[in-house]
Structures are given as C-alpha cells and as structure tokens.
Amino acid sequence: MQTVEIADEAAMTAFGAALGAELRPGDIVALSGDLGAGKTTLARAAIAALGWGGEVPSPTYTLVQSYEPPDARLPVWHVDLYRLESAADADALGLFETDAALINEWPERLGSRLPHDALRLTISGSGDTLRLLTSIVPKAWEGRWPLLLPK
C-alpha cells in the first residue's frame, strides 16, 4: 500500500492521463472515495488518454458508459456503481464477462465480488482540499505502477 499527495485538479488530471496510457484490455481499476473526491475527473482523463476526443459523461445514471476502438485505443468501460442495489446486480451489467478495461467508481458496492487483481485506488479529501491517493497494486500492475506516481 502506498499513499501520495494529489495537489489539485490539474494533478488529478495528469495522474488520470498517466493511468490511461498504461491501461490494457482486462484491467480493472477500482476508484473509491467520497462524493467530490475526484474519481470522475481521474476517469475522464484516463479515457481521454486512450484517444477518446468526445465528452465523457458521468455514468451515475446509466451505470456503464463504454468507449470502443477506433475512437479509443482499446475498449474501456467507465462504471459507476453508486446506485447499484446489491453486488448480485452487477451480473446484469456484464462486468464479469468483458475483456474491456474497467474504470469502476464505487467498487465497494461489489463487496467480495471485486476481483482480487483490481488496481485499488482510494482518494481522500474533497472540495478545495489536498487529496491523498492510496493504492493497493496487484501483480498484474507490477512494472507499470511506479511510472504513474505523481512527482
């Protein structure tokens, strides 16, 4: 486990872009944090780094927003599980049946169903305060992760 400071929105955007540059098909990024912590800012920057030039709306109401080649370097799903009633409801979304990279906000709604190989990022702080980003890095991210840490 490692914790780094994210000074402002620009730093969160830069971190998200670095994350997007490292994404591979099948990766799962689990973004936890309070409302307003910067989860969607990070996800938008990661998706833009994959080449997506359009709008990246929050999937709060749709639950899943997908981005596909050729408009993105690889298939990626931006997932927001805030409104999920139970972990079993994730089956209807097909989260466990896709090879797309998943950027998953509110992964705690999956409970024990969150795959163990997910990159777990927790953002502390909201509003105009300094953010702390805590990571739990699985083996699948070894060799890629140190490159992402803010300087």
Protein backbone atom coordinates (compact mmCIF):
# COMPACT_ATOMS: atom_id res chain seq x y z
CA MET A 1 0.00 0.00 0.00
CA GLN A 2 1.28 3.45 -0.89
CA THR A 3 -0.13 6.97 -0.38
CA VAL A 4 0.78 10.05 -2.42
CA GLU A 5 -0.49 13.63 -2.45
CA ILE A 6 -2.53 14.98 -5.36
CA ALA A 7 -2.26 18.76 -5.06
CA ASP A 8 -5.14 19.92 -7.28
CA GLU A 9 -7.44 19.10 -10.21
CA ALA A 10 -4.61 19.54 -12.72
CA ALA A 11 -2.52 16.96 -10.83
CA MET A 12 -5.51 14.57 -10.71
CA THR A 13 -5.97 15.01 -14.46
CA ALA A 14 -2.27 14.36 -15.10
CA PHE A 15 -2.41 11.25 -12.93
CA GLY A 16 -5.52 10.03 -14.79
CA ALA A 17 -3.78 10.57 -18.13
CA ALA A 18 -0.76 8.55 -16.97
CA LEU A 19 -3.09 5.80 -15.79
CA GLY A 20 -4.92 5.73 -19.13
CA ALA A 21 -1.63 5.44 -21.00
CA GLU A 22 -0.87 2.24 -19.05
CA LEU A 23 -4.29 0.55 -19.35
CA ARG A 24 -4.51 -2.85 -21.02
CA PRO A 25 -7.55 -4.93 -22.02
CA GLY A 26 -8.97 -6.71 -18.99
CA ASP A 27 -7.50 -4.28 -16.43
CA ILE A 28 -9.78 -3.31 -13.57
CA VAL A 29 -9.27 0.00 -11.80
CA ALA A 30 -11.34 0.35 -8.62
CA LEU A 31 -11.80 4.03 -7.67
CA SER A 32 -13.07 4.66 -4.14
CA GLY A 33 -13.64 7.96 -2.36
CA ASP A 34 -16.31 10.32 -1.13
CA LEU A 35 -18.55 12.35 -3.45
CA GLY A 36 -16.43 15.10 -4.96
CA ALA A 37 -13.11 13.36 -4.30
CA GLY A 38 -12.08 13.35 -7.96
CA LYS A 39 -12.98 9.84 -9.15
CA THR A 40 -14.75 11.06 -12.28
CA THR A 41 -12.02 13.61 -13.03
CA LEU A 42 -9.46 10.82 -12.91
CA ALA A 43 -11.62 8.52 -15.08
CA ARG A 44 -12.24 11.24 -17.69
CA ALA A 45 -8.51 11.92 -18.00
CA ALA A 46 -7.74 8.20 -18.36
CA ILE A 47 -10.34 7.80 -21.10
CA ALA A 48 -9.05 10.89 -22.92
CA ALA A 49 -5.53 9.42 -22.76
CA LEU A 50 -6.87 6.39 -24.61
CA GLY A 51 -7.65 8.69 -27.53
CA TRP A 52 -11.29 9.45 -26.85
CA GLY A 53 -11.88 13.01 -28.03
CA GLY A 54 -15.54 13.38 -27.14
CA GLU A 55 -17.44 14.08 -23.97
CA VAL A 56 -17.06 11.66 -21.05
CA PRO A 57 -20.29 11.95 -19.06
CA SER A 58 -20.54 10.54 -15.57
CA PRO A 59 -22.23 7.12 -15.73
CA THR A 60 -24.11 7.76 -12.48
CA TYR A 61 -27.50 7.13 -14.12
CA THR A 62 -26.52 4.80 -16.96
CA LEU A 63 -24.20 2.79 -14.65
CA VAL A 64 -21.93 1.88 -17.60
CA GLN A 65 -20.57 4.08 -20.37
CA SER A 66 -18.46 2.28 -22.98
CA TYR A 67 -15.77 3.64 -25.30
CA GLU A 68 -14.64 1.49 -28.21
CA PRO A 69 -11.97 1.43 -30.92
CA PRO A 70 -11.29 3.06 -33.28
CA ASP A 71 -12.25 6.10 -31.17
CA ALA A 72 -10.23 4.76 -28.23
CA ARG A 73 -7.01 2.74 -28.23
CA LEU A 74 -8.77 -0.17 -26.51
CA PRO A 75 -12.28 -0.93 -25.27
CA VAL A 76 -12.90 0.66 -21.88
CA TRP A 77 -15.98 0.80 -19.70
CA HIS A 78 -16.48 3.64 -17.24
CA VAL A 79 -18.66 2.19 -14.50
CA ASP A 80 -20.40 3.95 -11.59
CA LEU A 81 -21.96 1.54 -9.11
CA TYR A 82 -23.23 4.18 -6.65
CA ARG A 83 -26.86 3.29 -7.47
CA LEU A 84 -26.34 -0.49 -7.53
CA GLU A 85 -28.81 -2.16 -5.16
CA SER A 86 -26.70 -5.27 -4.48
CA ALA A 87 -23.48 -6.92 -5.64
CA ALA A 88 -25.55 -9.53 -7.49
CA ASP A 89 -27.00 -6.76 -9.70
CA ALA A 90 -23.55 -6.40 -11.29
CA ASP A 91 -24.23 -9.61 -13.24
CA ALA A 92 -26.85 -7.80 -15.32
CA LEU A 93 -24.23 -5.23 -16.31
CA GLY A 94 -21.88 -7.87 -17.74
CA LEU A 95 -18.92 -6.59 -15.72
CA PHE A 96 -17.52 -10.06 -15.28
CA GLU A 97 -17.96 -11.05 -18.94
CA THR A 98 -16.00 -8.36 -20.79
CA ASP A 99 -12.40 -8.05 -21.91
CA ALA A 100 -12.67 -4.26 -21.84
CA ALA A 101 -10.63 -2.35 -19.31
CA LEU A 102 -12.93 -1.27 -16.46
CA ILE A 103 -12.65 2.02 -14.61
CA ASN A 104 -15.01 1.38 -11.74
CA GLU A 105 -16.28 4.09 -9.40
CA TRP A 106 -17.83 2.92 -6.10
CA PRO A 107 -16.35 -0.62 -6.34
CA GLU A 108 -17.23 -1.26 -2.71
CA ARG A 109 -20.78 -1.91 -3.97
CA LEU A 110 -19.40 -5.18 -5.37
CA GLY A 111 -18.33 -6.37 -1.92
CA SER A 112 -16.27 -9.54 -2.14
CA ARG A 113 -17.07 -9.82 -5.86
CA LEU A 114 -14.48 -7.20 -6.76
CA PRO A 115 -11.73 -9.22 -8.48
CA HIS A 116 -8.50 -9.58 -6.50
CA ASP A 117 -6.42 -8.39 -9.46
CA ALA A 118 -8.07 -4.95 -9.47
CA LEU A 119 -5.85 -1.90 -9.04
CA ARG A 120 -7.43 -0.31 -5.96
CA LEU A 121 -7.20 3.46 -5.66
CA THR A 122 -8.77 5.36 -2.78
CA ILE A 123 -8.98 9.15 -2.94
CA SER A 124 -9.33 11.01 0.38
CA GLY A 125 -10.45 14.62 0.51
CA SER A 126 -12.97 16.69 -1.45
CA GLY A 127 -13.75 20.26 -2.38
CA ASP A 128 -10.66 22.51 -2.47
CA THR A 129 -8.58 20.35 -0.12
CA LEU A 130 -5.44 18.41 -0.92
CA ARG A 131 -6.20 14.82 -1.99
CA LEU A 132 -4.42 11.73 -0.77
CA LEU A 133 -4.39 8.81 -3.17
CA THR A 134 -3.80 5.41 -1.61
CA SER A 135 -3.04 2.48 -3.90
CA ILE A 136 -3.14 -1.27 -3.50
CA VAL A 137 -1.29 -2.65 -6.51
CA PRO A 138 -1.87 -6.23 -7.73
CA LYS A 139 0.78 -8.30 -9.50
CA ALA A 140 -0.82 -7.52 -12.89
CA TRP A 141 0.31 -3.89 -12.46
CA GLU A 142 3.87 -4.59 -11.36
CA GLY A 143 6.28 -2.82 -13.69
CA ARG A 144 3.63 -0.33 -14.77
CA TRP A 145 2.66 1.22 -11.47
CA PRO A 146 5.77 3.08 -10.32
CA LEU A 147 5.68 5.10 -13.55
CA LEU A 148 2.30 6.52 -12.58
CA LEU A 149 3.11 8.06 -9.24
CA PRO A 150 2.98 11.86 -9.12
CA LYS A 151 6.35 13.53 -8.62
